[in-house]
Amino acid sequence: MKQLVNQALYAQGLAATQTLGVFFDGIARHTPEGYQFAQRAVDAGFKEAVRERDEPYGR
């Protein structure tokens, strides 16, 4: 059953999506904004940093 599910996900492009996710994660983290967010998470805590980041978007 697991192999069947995995094959279906791979056929839908899961492997490509995961690969792209690694690159986009690296791009997002290694920017001035990414470094600022990481520092804010250290200073104020992760939950507060996320709240501040998402607040302008109504989240």
N, C-alpha and C. Protein backbone atom coordinates (compact mmCIF):
# COMPACT_ATOMS: atom_id res chain seq x y z
N MET A 1 0.83 -1.18 0.00
CA MET A 1 0.00 0.00 0.00
C MET A 1 0.88 1.25 0.00
N LYS A 2 1.92 1.25 0.83
CA LYS A 2 2.79 2.42 0.89
C LYS A 2 3.45 2.67 -0.46
N GLN A 3 3.91 1.63 -1.10
CA GLN A 3 4.56 1.79 -2.39
C GLN A 3 3.57 2.35 -3.41
N LEU A 4 2.33 1.90 -3.37
CA LEU A 4 1.31 2.40 -4.28
C LEU A 4 1.08 3.90 -4.06
N VAL A 5 0.97 4.31 -2.81
CA VAL A 5 0.77 5.73 -2.50
C VAL A 5 1.97 6.55 -2.95
N ASN A 6 3.17 6.06 -2.66
CA ASN A 6 4.38 6.78 -3.07
C ASN A 6 4.46 6.92 -4.59
N GLN A 7 4.15 5.87 -5.31
CA GLN A 7 4.19 5.93 -6.78
C GLN A 7 3.19 6.95 -7.31
N ALA A 8 2.01 6.99 -6.72
CA ALA A 8 1.01 7.97 -7.15
C ALA A 8 1.49 9.40 -6.90
N LEU A 9 2.11 9.63 -5.72
CA LEU A 9 2.61 10.97 -5.43
C LEU A 9 3.75 11.37 -6.35
N TYR A 10 4.65 10.44 -6.61
CA TYR A 10 5.75 10.75 -7.53
C TYR A 10 5.23 11.03 -8.93
N ALA A 11 4.20 10.33 -9.35
CA ALA A 11 3.62 10.56 -10.68
C ALA A 11 3.00 11.95 -10.76
N GLN A 12 2.56 12.48 -9.63
CA GLN A 12 1.97 13.81 -9.60
C GLN A 12 3.01 14.91 -9.46
N GLY A 13 4.27 14.55 -9.35
CA GLY A 13 5.34 15.54 -9.30
C GLY A 13 5.86 15.84 -7.91
N LEU A 14 5.63 14.99 -6.95
CA LEU A 14 6.08 15.23 -5.58
C LEU A 14 7.60 15.41 -5.51
N ALA A 15 8.32 14.57 -6.20
CA ALA A 15 9.78 14.64 -6.13
C ALA A 15 10.29 15.98 -6.66
N ALA A 16 9.73 16.44 -7.76
CA ALA A 16 10.13 17.74 -8.32
C ALA A 16 9.77 18.87 -7.37
N THR A 17 8.61 18.79 -6.76
CA THR A 17 8.18 19.81 -5.81
C THR A 17 9.11 19.87 -4.61
N GLN A 18 9.49 18.71 -4.10
CA GLN A 18 10.40 18.67 -2.96
C GLN A 18 11.76 19.23 -3.33
N THR A 19 12.23 18.93 -4.52
CA THR A 19 13.53 19.43 -4.96
C THR A 19 13.50 20.95 -5.08
N LEU A 20 12.45 21.48 -5.69
CA LEU A 20 12.33 22.93 -5.81
C LEU A 20 12.19 23.59 -4.44
N GLY A 21 11.52 22.93 -3.53
CA GLY A 21 11.36 23.46 -2.18
C GLY A 21 12.69 23.70 -1.50
N VAL A 22 13.64 22.82 -1.72
CA VAL A 22 14.98 22.98 -1.13
C VAL A 22 15.63 24.25 -1.66
N PHE A 23 15.53 24.48 -2.96
CA PHE A 23 16.16 25.67 -3.54
C PHE A 23 15.48 26.94 -3.07
N PHE A 24 14.14 26.95 -3.07
CA PHE A 24 13.42 28.15 -2.65
C PHE A 24 13.64 28.44 -1.17
N ASP A 25 13.77 27.41 -0.37
CA ASP A 25 14.05 27.60 1.05
C ASP A 25 15.40 28.30 1.21
N GLY A 26 16.39 27.83 0.48
CA GLY A 26 17.71 28.46 0.55
C GLY A 26 17.69 29.90 0.06
N ILE A 27 16.94 30.16 -1.01
CA ILE A 27 16.84 31.53 -1.53
C ILE A 27 16.18 32.44 -0.51
N ALA A 28 15.11 31.97 0.13
CA ALA A 28 14.37 32.79 1.08
C ALA A 28 15.18 33.07 2.35
N ARG A 29 15.97 32.12 2.77
CA ARG A 29 16.73 32.30 4.01
C ARG A 29 17.93 33.19 3.85
N HIS A 30 18.55 33.18 2.69
CA HIS A 30 19.81 33.90 2.49
C HIS A 30 19.58 35.24 1.79
N THR A 31 18.67 36.00 2.36
CA THR A 31 18.39 37.36 1.90
C THR A 31 18.44 38.26 3.13
N PRO A 32 18.54 39.56 2.94
CA PRO A 32 18.50 40.45 4.10
C PRO A 32 17.23 40.23 4.95
N GLU A 33 16.10 40.03 4.29
CA GLU A 33 14.85 39.81 5.03
C GLU A 33 14.90 38.51 5.80
N GLY A 34 15.48 37.47 5.20
CA GLY A 34 15.59 36.19 5.87
C GLY A 34 16.46 36.27 7.11
N TYR A 35 17.58 36.98 6.99
CA TYR A 35 18.46 37.15 8.14
C TYR A 35 17.78 37.99 9.23
N GLN A 36 17.03 39.02 8.83
CA GLN A 36 16.32 39.85 9.82
C GLN A 36 15.27 39.03 10.56
N PHE A 37 14.54 38.18 9.82
CA PHE A 37 13.53 37.35 10.46
C PHE A 37 14.18 36.39 11.45
N ALA A 38 15.28 35.78 11.05
CA ALA A 38 15.96 34.85 11.95
C ALA A 38 16.43 35.55 13.22
N GLN A 39 16.97 36.76 13.07
CA GLN A 39 17.42 37.50 14.24
C GLN A 39 16.24 37.90 15.11
N ARG A 40 15.13 38.31 14.50
CA ARG A 40 13.94 38.68 15.27
C ARG A 40 13.40 37.47 16.03
N ALA A 41 13.45 36.30 15.42
CA ALA A 41 13.00 35.08 16.10
C ALA A 41 13.87 34.78 17.31
N VAL A 42 15.15 35.06 17.22
CA VAL A 42 16.05 34.86 18.37
C VAL A 42 15.71 35.88 19.46
N ASP A 43 15.51 37.14 19.05
CA ASP A 43 15.30 38.22 20.02
C ASP A 43 13.93 38.15 20.70
N ALA A 44 12.87 37.91 19.90
CA ALA A 44 11.50 38.01 20.43
C ALA A 44 10.80 36.66 20.54
N GLY A 45 11.40 35.62 20.00
CA GLY A 45 10.75 34.31 19.97
C GLY A 45 10.12 34.06 18.61
N PHE A 46 10.05 32.80 18.25
CA PHE A 46 9.57 32.44 16.91
C PHE A 46 8.12 32.85 16.69
N LYS A 47 7.25 32.59 17.66
CA LYS A 47 5.83 32.92 17.48
C LYS A 47 5.62 34.41 17.27
N GLU A 48 6.33 35.22 18.02
CA GLU A 48 6.20 36.68 17.87
C GLU A 48 6.73 37.12 16.51
N ALA A 49 7.84 36.56 16.08
CA ALA A 49 8.40 36.93 14.78
C ALA A 49 7.43 36.57 13.65
N VAL A 50 6.81 35.41 13.74
CA VAL A 50 5.84 35.01 12.72
C VAL A 50 4.61 35.92 12.76
N ARG A 51 4.15 36.24 13.98
CA ARG A 51 2.99 37.12 14.10
C ARG A 51 3.28 38.48 13.45
N GLU A 52 4.44 39.04 13.74
CA GLU A 52 4.82 40.32 13.16
C GLU A 52 4.96 40.23 11.64
N ARG A 53 5.52 39.13 11.17
CA ARG A 53 5.70 38.95 9.73
C ARG A 53 4.37 38.86 9.01
N ASP A 54 3.41 38.14 9.60
CA ASP A 54 2.14 37.88 8.92
C ASP A 54 1.07 38.93 9.18
N GLU A 55 1.26 39.77 10.19
CA GLU A 55 0.25 40.76 10.58
C GLU A 55 -0.21 41.67 9.42
N PRO A 56 0.69 42.18 8.58
CA PRO A 56 0.24 43.05 7.49
C PRO A 56 -0.70 42.35 6.50
N TYR A 57 -0.71 41.04 6.52
CA TYR A 57 -1.53 40.29 5.56
C TYR A 57 -2.82 39.77 6.19
N GLY A 58 -3.11 40.23 7.40
CA GLY A 58 -4.35 39.85 8.07
C GLY A 58 -4.36 38.44 8.61
N ARG A 59 -3.22 37.91 8.92
CA ARG A 59 -3.14 36.55 9.45
C ARG A 59 -2.83 36.56 10.91
